Amino acid sequence: MPRRYRVESCGYHHVYNRGVAKSDIFLDELDKTKFIEILEDVCKEYKFNIHSFCLMDNHYHLLIQNKRENLSDGLRQLNSGYASYFNKRHNRVGHLWQDRYKSWFILDEKYLFTLFHYIEANPIKARMCKKIGEYKYCATYCIQRGAVPPFLQNSFVLHNYRTGELFDMLDIPLSPEELENIDKFHQQRYKLEESQIVHVKPKNIDQYFLHVKDKMQRDEQ
């Protein structure tokens, strides 16, 4: 199966990566702190803005904005740099990551806040805390305490919402419709068409049988 088209275009991307065989990539707070240090260096070098982040035990989420077509280069440095640190510190060898990172390009910015909410709510879903902003390794923890790292300082939520207003909105759980839209977003594929990034429209099942003359022949496929 061909790899899904990876969008390098400037804009907003939801990035996700997890450990090989779903194993933990963060064993303690020192690991998570080190990942954030490496992330800060990468953001500075590649001019990335982070709008949301969440470090879970066996995976991470980033809502990232690139101003140059250098997303893959920056994330390769982030993932390889952290893997080298992790293997050396924990005396292990082999791959740390399950695969290349996954990313989804955000064509419609109206979904930005919903994705921010979704990422920041991950620790609640995992029952690691009860409210958004309580888990230490998320953007909202930093925002609530006024300790925003440099890579987060251009987050759209800091510019568009007052802190109290932001957390009032985040206290409202995502609706079933919003969760369904996120699922659809993560299933979306893209293609380059006349120098523009566009969604790939899924085929109707009938399109797979255009060459079939009757039901009996179709059932034989």
N, C-alpha and C. Protein backbone atom coordinates (compact mmCIF):
# COMPACT_ATOMS: atom_id res chain seq x y z
N MET A 1 0.85 -1.20 0.00
CA MET A 1 0.00 0.00 0.00
C MET A 1 0.88 1.25 0.00
N PRO A 2 0.63 2.20 -0.91
CA PRO A 2 1.45 3.41 -0.95
C PRO A 2 1.25 4.26 0.30
N ARG A 3 2.31 4.96 0.68
CA ARG A 3 2.21 5.84 1.84
C ARG A 3 1.29 7.01 1.54
N ARG A 4 0.59 7.44 2.56
CA ARG A 4 -0.28 8.59 2.39
C ARG A 4 0.57 9.83 2.07
N TYR A 5 0.01 10.73 1.28
CA TYR A 5 0.72 11.93 0.88
C TYR A 5 1.02 12.78 2.11
N ARG A 6 2.29 13.14 2.30
CA ARG A 6 2.70 13.92 3.46
C ARG A 6 2.81 15.38 3.05
N VAL A 7 2.01 16.22 3.67
CA VAL A 7 1.95 17.63 3.31
C VAL A 7 3.07 18.40 4.02
N GLU A 8 3.88 19.11 3.24
CA GLU A 8 4.95 19.95 3.77
C GLU A 8 4.57 21.42 3.77
N SER A 9 3.43 21.75 3.17
CA SER A 9 3.05 23.14 2.97
C SER A 9 3.03 23.92 4.28
N CYS A 10 3.30 25.22 4.18
CA CYS A 10 3.24 26.08 5.36
C CYS A 10 1.81 26.14 5.87
N GLY A 11 1.68 26.09 7.17
CA GLY A 11 0.35 26.15 7.77
C GLY A 11 0.32 25.35 9.07
N TYR A 12 -0.88 24.90 9.43
CA TYR A 12 -1.09 24.18 10.69
C TYR A 12 -1.16 22.68 10.43
N HIS A 13 -0.53 21.90 11.31
CA HIS A 13 -0.50 20.45 11.19
C HIS A 13 -0.75 19.83 12.57
N HIS A 14 -1.54 18.79 12.59
CA HIS A 14 -1.65 17.98 13.81
C HIS A 14 -0.67 16.82 13.63
N VAL A 15 0.31 16.72 14.52
CA VAL A 15 1.36 15.72 14.43
C VAL A 15 1.24 14.76 15.61
N TYR A 16 1.45 13.48 15.30
CA TYR A 16 1.30 12.42 16.31
C TYR A 16 2.38 11.37 16.09
N ASN A 17 2.95 10.89 17.18
CA ASN A 17 3.87 9.76 17.08
C ASN A 17 3.79 8.95 18.36
N ARG A 18 4.03 7.64 18.24
CA ARG A 18 3.98 6.79 19.43
C ARG A 18 5.09 5.75 19.39
N GLY A 19 5.31 5.10 20.54
CA GLY A 19 6.39 4.14 20.68
C GLY A 19 6.15 2.87 19.91
N VAL A 20 7.23 2.20 19.54
CA VAL A 20 7.14 0.93 18.83
C VAL A 20 6.37 -0.07 19.69
N ALA A 21 5.45 -0.80 19.05
CA ALA A 21 4.59 -1.76 19.74
C ALA A 21 3.82 -1.11 20.89
N LYS A 22 3.56 0.18 20.75
CA LYS A 22 2.81 0.95 21.74
C LYS A 22 3.54 1.03 23.09
N SER A 23 4.84 0.83 23.08
CA SER A 23 5.60 0.87 24.33
C SER A 23 5.81 2.31 24.78
N ASP A 24 6.13 2.49 26.03
CA ASP A 24 6.31 3.83 26.60
C ASP A 24 7.54 4.51 26.00
N ILE A 25 7.40 5.79 25.69
CA ILE A 25 8.52 6.59 25.22
C ILE A 25 8.98 7.59 26.29
N PHE A 26 8.19 7.71 27.34
CA PHE A 26 8.54 8.55 28.50
C PHE A 26 8.41 7.69 29.74
N LEU A 27 9.51 7.46 30.44
CA LEU A 27 9.46 6.61 31.64
C LEU A 27 9.37 7.40 32.93
N ASP A 28 9.69 8.70 32.84
CA ASP A 28 9.61 9.54 34.04
C ASP A 28 9.57 11.00 33.62
N GLU A 29 9.55 11.87 34.60
CA GLU A 29 9.46 13.31 34.31
C GLU A 29 10.71 13.84 33.61
N LEU A 30 11.86 13.25 33.91
CA LEU A 30 13.09 13.69 33.27
C LEU A 30 13.02 13.48 31.76
N ASP A 31 12.43 12.37 31.33
CA ASP A 31 12.27 12.11 29.89
C ASP A 31 11.38 13.17 29.25
N LYS A 32 10.28 13.47 29.88
CA LYS A 32 9.36 14.46 29.31
C LYS A 32 9.98 15.85 29.27
N THR A 33 10.72 16.17 30.31
CA THR A 33 11.42 17.46 30.34
C THR A 33 12.45 17.54 29.22
N LYS A 34 13.16 16.45 28.99
CA LYS A 34 14.17 16.42 27.92
C LYS A 34 13.52 16.57 26.56
N PHE A 35 12.39 15.91 26.34
CA PHE A 35 11.69 16.03 25.07
C PHE A 35 11.31 17.49 24.81
N ILE A 36 10.82 18.17 25.84
CA ILE A 36 10.44 19.58 25.70
C ILE A 36 11.66 20.44 25.38
N GLU A 37 12.80 20.12 25.99
CA GLU A 37 14.03 20.87 25.69
C GLU A 37 14.43 20.69 24.22
N ILE A 38 14.35 19.46 23.73
CA ILE A 38 14.70 19.20 22.33
C ILE A 38 13.68 19.89 21.41
N LEU A 39 12.42 19.83 21.78
CA LEU A 39 11.37 20.49 21.00
C LEU A 39 11.63 21.99 20.91
N GLU A 40 12.02 22.59 22.02
CA GLU A 40 12.31 24.02 22.03
C GLU A 40 13.45 24.36 21.08
N ASP A 41 14.51 23.54 21.08
CA ASP A 41 15.64 23.77 20.17
C ASP A 41 15.22 23.62 18.71
N VAL A 42 14.43 22.60 18.42
CA VAL A 42 13.96 22.37 17.05
C VAL A 42 13.09 23.53 16.58
N CYS A 43 12.19 23.99 17.42
CA CYS A 43 11.30 25.09 17.05
C CYS A 43 12.10 26.36 16.76
N LYS A 44 13.13 26.58 17.54
CA LYS A 44 13.97 27.77 17.33
C LYS A 44 14.73 27.67 16.01
N GLU A 45 15.27 26.49 15.71
CA GLU A 45 16.06 26.32 14.49
C GLU A 45 15.19 26.34 13.23
N TYR A 46 14.01 25.73 13.30
CA TYR A 46 13.17 25.58 12.10
C TYR A 46 12.02 26.59 12.05
N LYS A 47 11.97 27.50 13.00
CA LYS A 47 10.97 28.56 13.04
C LYS A 47 9.55 27.99 13.13
N PHE A 48 9.38 26.97 13.97
CA PHE A 48 8.07 26.39 14.22
C PHE A 48 7.36 27.14 15.34
N ASN A 49 6.06 27.26 15.24
CA ASN A 49 5.22 27.68 16.35
C ASN A 49 4.42 26.49 16.83
N ILE A 50 4.40 26.27 18.12
CA ILE A 50 3.56 25.22 18.70
C ILE A 50 2.33 25.88 19.29
N HIS A 51 1.16 25.36 18.96
CA HIS A 51 -0.09 25.92 19.46
C HIS A 51 -0.71 25.03 20.54
N SER A 52 -0.33 23.77 20.55
CA SER A 52 -0.78 22.84 21.57
C SER A 52 0.19 21.67 21.60
N PHE A 53 0.39 21.09 22.78
CA PHE A 53 1.18 19.87 22.87
C PHE A 53 0.70 19.03 24.04
N CYS A 54 0.91 17.74 23.93
CA CYS A 54 0.55 16.84 25.02
C CYS A 54 1.48 15.64 24.95
N LEU A 55 2.19 15.38 26.04
CA LEU A 55 3.09 14.24 26.14
C LEU A 55 2.46 13.18 27.02
N MET A 56 1.99 12.11 26.40
CA MET A 56 1.46 10.97 27.14
C MET A 56 2.58 9.96 27.33
N ASP A 57 2.30 8.86 28.03
CA ASP A 57 3.40 7.92 28.31
C ASP A 57 3.95 7.25 27.06
N ASN A 58 3.07 6.88 26.12
CA ASN A 58 3.56 6.15 24.95
C ASN A 58 3.35 6.88 23.63
N HIS A 59 2.96 8.15 23.68
CA HIS A 59 2.80 8.92 22.45
C HIS A 59 2.79 10.41 22.76
N TYR A 60 2.88 11.20 21.70
CA TYR A 60 2.76 12.65 21.87
C TYR A 60 1.91 13.24 20.77
N HIS A 61 1.33 14.40 21.06
CA HIS A 61 0.57 15.19 20.08
C HIS A 61 1.19 16.58 20.02
N LEU A 62 1.26 17.14 18.81
CA LEU A 62 1.64 18.53 18.61
C LEU A 62 0.66 19.18 17.64
N LEU A 63 0.27 20.40 17.93
CA LEU A 63 -0.42 21.24 16.95
C LEU A 63 0.62 22.28 16.55
N ILE A 64 1.17 22.10 15.37
CA ILE A 64 2.37 22.83 14.98
C ILE A 64 2.12 23.66 13.72
N GLN A 65 2.79 24.77 13.64
CA GLN A 65 2.69 25.66 12.48
C GLN A 65 4.08 25.87 11.91
N ASN A 66 4.24 25.57 10.62
CA ASN A 66 5.52 25.80 9.97
C ASN A 66 5.40 26.97 9.00
N LYS A 67 6.43 27.81 8.98
CA LYS A 67 6.44 28.98 8.10
C LYS A 67 7.30 28.75 6.87
N ARG A 68 7.98 27.61 6.85
CA ARG A 68 8.76 27.17 5.70
C ARG A 68 8.36 25.73 5.42
N GLU A 69 8.68 25.24 4.23
CA GLU A 69 8.34 23.85 3.91
C GLU A 69 9.44 22.93 4.44
N ASN A 70 9.50 22.86 5.77
CA ASN A 70 10.56 22.11 6.43
C ASN A 70 10.05 21.23 7.56
N LEU A 71 8.77 20.88 7.50
CA LEU A 71 8.16 20.12 8.60
C LEU A 71 8.88 18.79 8.81
N SER A 72 9.10 18.02 7.74
CA SER A 72 9.73 16.71 7.88
C SER A 72 11.14 16.81 8.46
N ASP A 73 11.90 17.81 8.01
CA ASP A 73 13.27 17.96 8.51
C ASP A 73 13.27 18.24 10.01
N GLY A 74 12.38 19.13 10.45
CA GLY A 74 12.33 19.47 11.86
C GLY A 74 11.87 18.31 12.72
N LEU A 75 10.86 17.59 12.27
CA LEU A 75 10.35 16.47 13.06
C LEU A 75 11.31 15.29 13.06
N ARG A 76 12.04 15.14 11.96
CA ARG A 76 13.07 14.10 11.94
C ARG A 76 14.13 14.39 13.00
N GLN A 77 14.50 15.65 13.13
CA GLN A 77 15.49 16.03 14.14
C GLN A 77 14.93 15.84 15.55
N LEU A 78 13.69 16.19 15.75
CA LEU A 78 13.04 16.02 17.05
C LEU A 78 13.01 14.54 17.44
N ASN A 79 12.51 13.70 16.54
CA ASN A 79 12.33 12.28 16.87
C ASN A 79 13.66 11.55 17.00
N SER A 80 14.62 11.84 16.10
CA SER A 80 15.91 11.15 16.18
C SER A 80 16.71 11.63 17.39
N GLY A 81 16.63 12.94 17.68
CA GLY A 81 17.34 13.48 18.83
C GLY A 81 16.84 12.89 20.14
N TYR A 82 15.51 12.78 20.25
CA TYR A 82 14.96 12.23 21.48
C TYR A 82 15.25 10.73 21.57
N ALA A 83 15.14 10.00 20.45
CA ALA A 83 15.40 8.56 20.46
C ALA A 83 16.84 8.27 20.90
N SER A 84 17.80 9.07 20.41
CA SER A 84 19.20 8.89 20.80
C SER A 84 19.39 9.11 22.29
N TYR A 85 18.75 10.17 22.80
CA TYR A 85 18.82 10.44 24.24
C TYR A 85 18.20 9.28 25.03
N PHE A 86 17.01 8.84 24.62
CA PHE A 86 16.26 7.82 25.37
C PHE A 86 17.04 6.50 25.40
N ASN A 87 17.56 6.08 24.24
CA ASN A 87 18.29 4.81 24.20
C ASN A 87 19.56 4.85 25.04
N LYS A 88 20.24 5.99 25.01
CA LYS A 88 21.46 6.11 25.81
C LYS A 88 21.14 6.12 27.30
N ARG A 89 20.14 6.89 27.68
CA ARG A 89 19.81 7.00 29.11
C ARG A 89 19.30 5.69 29.68
N HIS A 90 18.50 4.97 28.88
CA HIS A 90 17.86 3.75 29.40
C HIS A 90 18.55 2.48 28.91
N ASN A 91 19.77 2.64 28.36
CA ASN A 91 20.60 1.50 27.98
C ASN A 91 19.83 0.51 27.10
N ARG A 92 19.25 1.03 26.04
CA ARG A 92 18.51 0.17 25.10
C ARG A 92 19.01 0.42 23.69
N VAL A 93 18.65 -0.48 22.78
CA VAL A 93 19.00 -0.34 21.37
C VAL A 93 17.74 -0.57 20.54
N GLY A 94 17.80 -0.17 19.27
CA GLY A 94 16.69 -0.41 18.38
C GLY A 94 15.80 0.80 18.24
N HIS A 95 14.74 0.61 17.45
CA HIS A 95 13.82 1.69 17.16
C HIS A 95 13.01 2.07 18.39
N LEU A 96 12.82 3.35 18.57
CA LEU A 96 11.95 3.84 19.64
C LEU A 96 10.54 4.08 19.11
N TRP A 97 10.45 4.59 17.88
CA TRP A 97 9.15 4.98 17.32
C TRP A 97 8.55 3.85 16.49
N GLN A 98 7.24 3.76 16.53
CA GLN A 98 6.55 2.71 15.79
C GLN A 98 6.72 2.86 14.28
N ASP A 99 6.73 4.11 13.83
CA ASP A 99 6.83 4.37 12.40
C ASP A 99 7.22 5.83 12.22
N ARG A 100 7.21 6.29 10.98
CA ARG A 100 7.34 7.73 10.76
C ARG A 100 6.17 8.42 11.46
N TYR A 101 6.38 9.64 11.87
CA TYR A 101 5.30 10.38 12.52
C TYR A 101 4.10 10.50 11.58
N LYS A 102 2.92 10.65 12.15
CA LYS A 102 1.72 10.92 11.37
C LYS A 102 1.40 12.41 11.45
N SER A 103 0.92 12.95 10.36
CA SER A 103 0.54 14.37 10.38
C SER A 103 -0.69 14.58 9.51
N TRP A 104 -1.48 15.55 9.92
CA TRP A 104 -2.70 15.93 9.19
C TRP A 104 -2.67 17.44 8.97
N PHE A 105 -2.79 17.83 7.73
CA PHE A 105 -2.75 19.25 7.37
C PHE A 105 -4.13 19.86 7.58
N ILE A 106 -4.16 21.01 8.21
CA ILE A 106 -5.44 21.65 8.55
C ILE A 106 -5.77 22.67 7.47
N LEU A 107 -6.61 22.24 6.53
CA LEU A 107 -7.01 23.12 5.44
C LEU A 107 -8.00 24.18 5.90
N ASP A 108 -8.86 23.81 6.82
CA ASP A 108 -9.90 24.73 7.30
C ASP A 108 -9.60 25.12 8.74
N GLU A 109 -9.22 26.36 8.96
CA GLU A 109 -8.78 26.80 10.29
C GLU A 109 -9.91 26.88 11.32
N LYS A 110 -11.16 26.70 10.88
CA LYS A 110 -12.26 26.71 11.85
C LYS A 110 -12.18 25.52 12.80
N TYR A 111 -11.38 24.50 12.42
CA TYR A 111 -11.23 23.33 13.28
C TYR A 111 -10.06 23.46 14.26
N LEU A 112 -9.35 24.56 14.20
CA LEU A 112 -8.17 24.71 15.04
C LEU A 112 -8.49 24.58 16.53
N PHE A 113 -9.52 25.31 16.97
CA PHE A 113 -9.82 25.28 18.40
C PHE A 113 -10.29 23.89 18.83
N THR A 114 -11.08 23.23 17.99
CA THR A 114 -11.54 21.88 18.32
C THR A 114 -10.36 20.93 18.46
N LEU A 115 -9.38 21.05 17.58
CA LEU A 115 -8.19 20.21 17.68
C LEU A 115 -7.37 20.55 18.92
N PHE A 116 -7.26 21.85 19.22
CA PHE A 116 -6.59 22.27 20.45
C PHE A 116 -7.26 21.61 21.65
N HIS A 117 -8.58 21.68 21.71
CA HIS A 117 -9.36 21.10 22.80
C HIS A 117 -9.13 19.59 22.88
N TYR A 118 -9.17 18.94 21.72
CA TYR A 118 -8.99 17.48 21.65
C TYR A 118 -7.62 17.06 22.20
N ILE A 119 -6.58 17.75 21.77
CA ILE A 119 -5.22 17.41 22.20
C ILE A 119 -5.07 17.63 23.71
N GLU A 120 -5.55 18.76 24.20
CA GLU A 120 -5.39 19.10 25.61
C GLU A 120 -6.24 18.22 26.53
N ALA A 121 -7.26 17.58 25.96
CA ALA A 121 -8.14 16.71 26.75
C ALA A 121 -7.64 15.27 26.83
N ASN A 122 -6.55 14.96 26.15
CA ASN A 122 -6.04 13.58 26.16
C ASN A 122 -5.79 13.02 27.56
N PRO A 123 -5.20 13.78 28.48
CA PRO A 123 -4.97 13.23 29.83
C PRO A 123 -6.27 12.92 30.58
N ILE A 124 -7.33 13.63 30.27
CA ILE A 124 -8.62 13.33 30.89
C ILE A 124 -9.14 12.00 30.38
N LYS A 125 -9.05 11.81 29.07
CA LYS A 125 -9.48 10.54 28.46
C LYS A 125 -8.71 9.37 29.05
N ALA A 126 -7.43 9.57 29.37
CA ALA A 126 -6.59 8.52 29.95
C ALA A 126 -6.72 8.46 31.47
N ARG A 127 -7.59 9.29 32.05
CA ARG A 127 -7.84 9.34 33.49
C ARG A 127 -6.59 9.70 34.28
N MET A 128 -5.79 10.57 33.69
CA MET A 128 -4.60 11.06 34.38
C MET A 128 -4.88 12.34 35.14
N CYS A 129 -6.00 12.97 34.86
CA CYS A 129 -6.43 14.16 35.59
C CYS A 129 -7.93 14.33 35.34
N LYS A 130 -8.53 15.29 36.01
CA LYS A 130 -9.97 15.49 35.90
C LYS A 130 -10.35 16.71 35.09
N LYS A 131 -9.41 17.68 34.99
CA LYS A 131 -9.72 18.91 34.26
C LYS A 131 -8.56 19.28 33.35
N ILE A 132 -8.89 19.90 32.24
CA ILE A 132 -7.87 20.43 31.35
C ILE A 132 -7.07 21.50 32.08
N GLY A 133 -5.76 21.41 31.98
CA GLY A 133 -4.88 22.36 32.67
C GLY A 133 -4.21 21.78 33.90
N GLU A 134 -4.66 20.60 34.33
CA GLU A 134 -4.07 19.98 35.51
C GLU A 134 -2.85 19.13 35.19
N TYR A 135 -2.79 18.60 33.97
CA TYR A 135 -1.69 17.71 33.60
C TYR A 135 -0.47 18.52 33.20
N LYS A 136 0.65 18.20 33.78
CA LYS A 136 1.84 19.05 33.70
C LYS A 136 2.42 19.17 32.30
N TYR A 137 2.25 18.17 31.46
CA TYR A 137 2.93 18.15 30.16
C TYR A 137 1.97 18.43 29.01
N CYS A 138 1.22 19.51 29.18
CA CYS A 138 0.31 20.01 28.16
C CYS A 138 0.46 21.53 28.07
N ALA A 139 0.04 22.09 26.96
CA ALA A 139 0.12 23.54 26.78
C ALA A 139 -0.72 24.29 27.81
N THR A 140 -1.90 23.75 28.12
CA THR A 140 -2.81 24.45 29.03
C THR A 140 -2.26 24.55 30.45
N TYR A 141 -1.45 23.60 30.85
CA TYR A 141 -0.80 23.68 32.17
C TYR A 141 0.11 24.91 32.22
N CYS A 142 0.88 25.10 31.15
CA CYS A 142 1.78 26.25 31.07
C CYS A 142 1.00 27.56 31.03
N ILE A 143 -0.07 27.58 30.23
CA ILE A 143 -0.87 28.80 30.06
C ILE A 143 -1.53 29.20 31.37
N GLN A 144 -2.10 28.23 32.05
CA GLN A 144 -2.81 28.53 33.30
C GLN A 144 -1.89 29.09 34.37
N ARG A 145 -0.63 28.70 34.32
CA ARG A 145 0.32 29.13 35.35
C ARG A 145 1.19 30.30 34.90
N GLY A 146 0.94 30.81 33.69
CA GLY A 146 1.71 31.94 33.20
C GLY A 146 3.16 31.62 32.97
N ALA A 147 3.46 30.35 32.69
CA ALA A 147 4.84 29.92 32.46
C ALA A 147 4.94 29.35 31.04
N VAL A 148 4.73 30.21 30.06
CA VAL A 148 4.65 29.78 28.67
C VAL A 148 6.04 29.71 28.05
N PRO A 149 6.46 28.53 27.56
CA PRO A 149 7.79 28.43 26.92
C PRO A 149 7.83 29.21 25.61
N PRO A 150 9.01 29.56 25.13
CA PRO A 150 9.12 30.37 23.91
C PRO A 150 8.39 29.80 22.70
N PHE A 151 8.43 28.47 22.53
CA PHE A 151 7.80 27.89 21.33
C PHE A 151 6.28 27.97 21.36
N LEU A 152 5.71 28.28 22.52
CA LEU A 152 4.25 28.34 22.66
C LEU A 152 3.73 29.78 22.67
N GLN A 153 4.62 30.74 22.68
CA GLN A 153 4.21 32.12 22.89
C GLN A 153 3.40 32.72 21.75
N ASN A 154 3.44 32.10 20.58
CA ASN A 154 2.63 32.59 19.46
C ASN A 154 1.38 31.74 19.24
N SER A 155 1.02 30.93 20.22
CA SER A 155 -0.19 30.12 20.08
C SER A 155 -1.40 31.01 19.87
N PHE A 156 -2.26 30.61 18.95
CA PHE A 156 -3.43 31.44 18.64
C PHE A 156 -4.35 31.61 19.85
N VAL A 157 -4.35 30.66 20.78
CA VAL A 157 -5.25 30.79 21.94
C VAL A 157 -4.80 31.92 22.86
N LEU A 158 -3.50 32.19 22.89
CA LEU A 158 -3.01 33.29 23.72
C LEU A 158 -3.39 34.64 23.15
N HIS A 159 -3.52 34.70 21.84
CA HIS A 159 -3.85 35.96 21.18
C HIS A 159 -5.35 36.18 21.02
N ASN A 160 -6.11 35.09 21.01
CA ASN A 160 -7.55 35.19 20.72
C ASN A 160 -8.44 35.07 21.95
N TYR A 161 -7.89 34.60 23.07
CA TYR A 161 -8.74 34.35 24.25
C TYR A 161 -8.03 34.84 25.52
N ARG A 162 -8.80 35.40 26.41
CA ARG A 162 -8.30 35.66 27.76
C ARG A 162 -8.25 34.32 28.49
N THR A 163 -7.34 34.21 29.46
CA THR A 163 -7.13 32.92 30.12
C THR A 163 -8.40 32.38 30.76
N GLY A 164 -9.12 33.22 31.47
CA GLY A 164 -10.36 32.77 32.11
C GLY A 164 -11.38 32.30 31.10
N GLU A 165 -11.53 33.07 30.04
CA GLU A 165 -12.47 32.71 28.97
C GLU A 165 -12.07 31.38 28.33
N LEU A 166 -10.78 31.21 28.09
CA LEU A 166 -10.28 29.98 27.46
C LEU A 166 -10.65 28.76 28.29
N PHE A 167 -10.39 28.82 29.60
CA PHE A 167 -10.64 27.64 30.43
C PHE A 167 -12.13 27.42 30.68
N ASP A 168 -12.92 28.46 30.63
CA ASP A 168 -14.38 28.27 30.69
C ASP A 168 -14.86 27.47 29.49
N MET A 169 -14.30 27.76 28.32
CA MET A 169 -14.68 27.04 27.10
C MET A 169 -14.17 25.60 27.14
N LEU A 170 -12.97 25.41 27.68
CA LEU A 170 -12.40 24.07 27.73
C LEU A 170 -13.06 23.18 28.77
N ASP A 171 -13.76 23.80 29.73
CA ASP A 171 -14.50 23.01 30.73
C ASP A 171 -15.71 22.31 30.12
N ILE A 172 -16.13 22.77 28.94
CA ILE A 172 -17.27 22.14 28.26
C ILE A 172 -16.74 20.99 27.41
N PRO A 173 -17.14 19.75 27.70
CA PRO A 173 -16.60 18.61 26.94
C PRO A 173 -16.92 18.72 25.44
N LEU A 174 -16.07 18.14 24.64
CA LEU A 174 -16.34 18.10 23.21
C LEU A 174 -17.64 17.33 22.94
N SER A 175 -18.43 17.86 22.03
CA SER A 175 -19.71 17.24 21.71
C SER A 175 -19.49 16.02 20.82
N PRO A 176 -20.47 15.11 20.75
CA PRO A 176 -20.36 13.97 19.83
C PRO A 176 -20.10 14.41 18.40
N GLU A 177 -20.71 15.50 17.98
CA GLU A 177 -20.49 16.00 16.62
C GLU A 177 -19.04 16.46 16.43
N GLU A 178 -18.48 17.14 17.43
CA GLU A 178 -17.09 17.59 17.33
C GLU A 178 -16.13 16.39 17.29
N LEU A 179 -16.41 15.37 18.10
CA LEU A 179 -15.58 14.17 18.09
C LEU A 179 -15.67 13.44 16.75
N GLU A 180 -16.87 13.42 16.19
CA GLU A 180 -17.05 12.80 14.88
C GLU A 180 -16.28 13.56 13.81
N ASN A 181 -16.29 14.89 13.89
CA ASN A 181 -15.55 15.70 12.92
C ASN A 181 -14.05 15.46 13.03
N ILE A 182 -13.56 15.26 14.25
CA ILE A 182 -12.14 14.98 14.44
C ILE A 182 -11.79 13.62 13.84
N ASP A 183 -12.67 12.63 14.04
CA ASP A 183 -12.43 11.31 13.43
C ASP A 183 -12.37 11.42 11.91
N LYS A 184 -13.26 12.19 11.34
CA LYS A 184 -13.27 12.38 9.89
C LYS A 184 -12.00 13.09 9.43
N PHE A 185 -11.58 14.07 10.21
CA PHE A 185 -10.36 14.81 9.90
C PHE A 185 -9.15 13.88 9.87
N HIS A 186 -9.08 12.95 10.84
CA HIS A 186 -7.94 12.05 10.92
C HIS A 186 -7.98 10.95 9.84
N GLN A 187 -9.13 10.77 9.23
CA GLN A 187 -9.24 9.80 8.13
C GLN A 187 -8.98 10.43 6.77
N GLN A 188 -8.87 11.76 6.76
CA GLN A 188 -8.76 12.48 5.50
C GLN A 188 -7.40 12.24 4.84
N ARG A 189 -7.44 12.17 3.51
CA ARG A 189 -6.22 12.06 2.71
C ARG A 189 -6.13 13.28 1.81
N TYR A 190 -4.92 13.56 1.34
CA TYR A 190 -4.68 14.77 0.56
C TYR A 190 -3.95 14.41 -0.73
N LYS A 191 -4.00 15.33 -1.67
CA LYS A 191 -3.22 15.21 -2.89
C LYS A 191 -2.85 16.61 -3.38
N LEU A 192 -1.83 16.65 -4.21
CA LEU A 192 -1.40 17.91 -4.81
C LEU A 192 -2.06 18.02 -6.18
N GLU A 193 -2.83 19.07 -6.37
CA GLU A 193 -3.57 19.26 -7.63
C GLU A 193 -3.39 20.70 -8.09
N GLU A 194 -2.68 20.86 -9.21
CA GLU A 194 -2.41 22.20 -9.76
C GLU A 194 -1.78 23.10 -8.70
N SER A 195 -0.76 22.55 -8.02
CA SER A 195 0.02 23.26 -7.00
C SER A 195 -0.79 23.62 -5.75
N GLN A 196 -1.97 23.00 -5.59
CA GLN A 196 -2.80 23.24 -4.41
C GLN A 196 -3.02 21.93 -3.66
N ILE A 197 -3.02 22.01 -2.31
CA ILE A 197 -3.34 20.86 -1.49
C ILE A 197 -4.86 20.73 -1.41
N VAL A 198 -5.38 19.57 -1.81
CA VAL A 198 -6.83 19.35 -1.77
C VAL A 198 -7.11 18.01 -1.11
N HIS A 199 -8.34 17.87 -0.60
CA HIS A 199 -8.77 16.60 -0.03
C HIS A 199 -8.99 15.59 -1.14
N VAL A 200 -8.67 14.34 -0.85
CA VAL A 200 -8.98 13.25 -1.75
C VAL A 200 -10.37 12.76 -1.39
N LYS A 201 -11.29 12.85 -2.34
CA LYS A 201 -12.65 12.41 -2.07
C LYS A 201 -12.72 10.89 -2.15
N PRO A 202 -13.25 10.24 -1.10
CA PRO A 202 -13.33 8.78 -1.14
C PRO A 202 -14.27 8.31 -2.24
N LYS A 203 -13.92 7.20 -2.87
CA LYS A 203 -14.75 6.67 -3.94
C LYS A 203 -16.02 6.03 -3.37
N ASN A 204 -17.12 6.23 -4.10
CA ASN A 204 -18.32 5.47 -3.82
C ASN A 204 -18.03 4.02 -4.17
N ILE A 205 -18.57 3.09 -3.39
CA ILE A 205 -18.26 1.67 -3.61
C ILE A 205 -18.59 1.22 -5.03
N ASP A 206 -19.61 1.85 -5.66
CA ASP A 206 -19.98 1.47 -7.02
C ASP A 206 -18.86 1.77 -8.01
N GLN A 207 -18.01 2.75 -7.69
CA GLN A 207 -16.93 3.11 -8.60
C GLN A 207 -15.88 2.02 -8.72
N TYR A 208 -15.83 1.12 -7.72
CA TYR A 208 -14.86 0.04 -7.79
C TYR A 208 -15.32 -1.08 -8.71
N PHE A 209 -16.58 -1.01 -9.14
CA PHE A 209 -17.14 -2.09 -9.96
C PHE A 209 -17.66 -1.57 -11.30
N LEU A 210 -17.05 -0.47 -11.78
CA LEU A 210 -17.53 0.12 -13.04
C LEU A 210 -17.36 -0.84 -14.21
N HIS A 211 -16.38 -1.74 -14.11
CA HIS A 211 -16.12 -2.67 -15.20
C HIS A 211 -16.99 -3.92 -15.13
N VAL A 212 -17.81 -4.05 -14.09
CA VAL A 212 -18.62 -5.24 -13.88
C VAL A 212 -19.98 -5.06 -14.54
N LYS A 213 -20.43 -6.09 -15.23
CA LYS A 213 -21.66 -5.97 -16.01
C LYS A 213 -22.90 -6.33 -15.21
N ASP A 214 -22.81 -7.27 -14.29
CA ASP A 214 -24.00 -7.67 -13.54
C ASP A 214 -23.62 -8.08 -12.13
N LYS A 215 -24.66 -8.35 -11.30
CA LYS A 215 -24.44 -8.66 -9.89
C LYS A 215 -23.62 -9.94 -9.72
N MET A 216 -23.88 -10.94 -10.56
CA MET A 216 -23.15 -12.21 -10.43
C MET A 216 -21.65 -11.99 -10.66
N GLN A 217 -21.33 -11.20 -11.66
CA GLN A 217 -19.93 -10.92 -11.93
C GLN A 217 -19.32 -10.12 -10.81
N ARG A 218 -20.08 -9.18 -10.23
CA ARG A 218 -19.58 -8.37 -9.12
C ARG A 218 -19.26 -9.24 -7.92
N ASP A 219 -20.15 -10.20 -7.61
CA ASP A 219 -19.95 -11.07 -6.45
C ASP A 219 -18.73 -11.97 -6.60
N GLU A 220 -18.29 -12.16 -7.84
CA GLU A 220 -17.12 -12.99 -8.09
C GLU A 220 -15.82 -12.23 -7.89
N GLN A 221 -15.89 -10.88 -7.75
CA GLN A 221 -14.69 -10.08 -7.62
C GLN A 221 -14.03 -10.29 -6.27
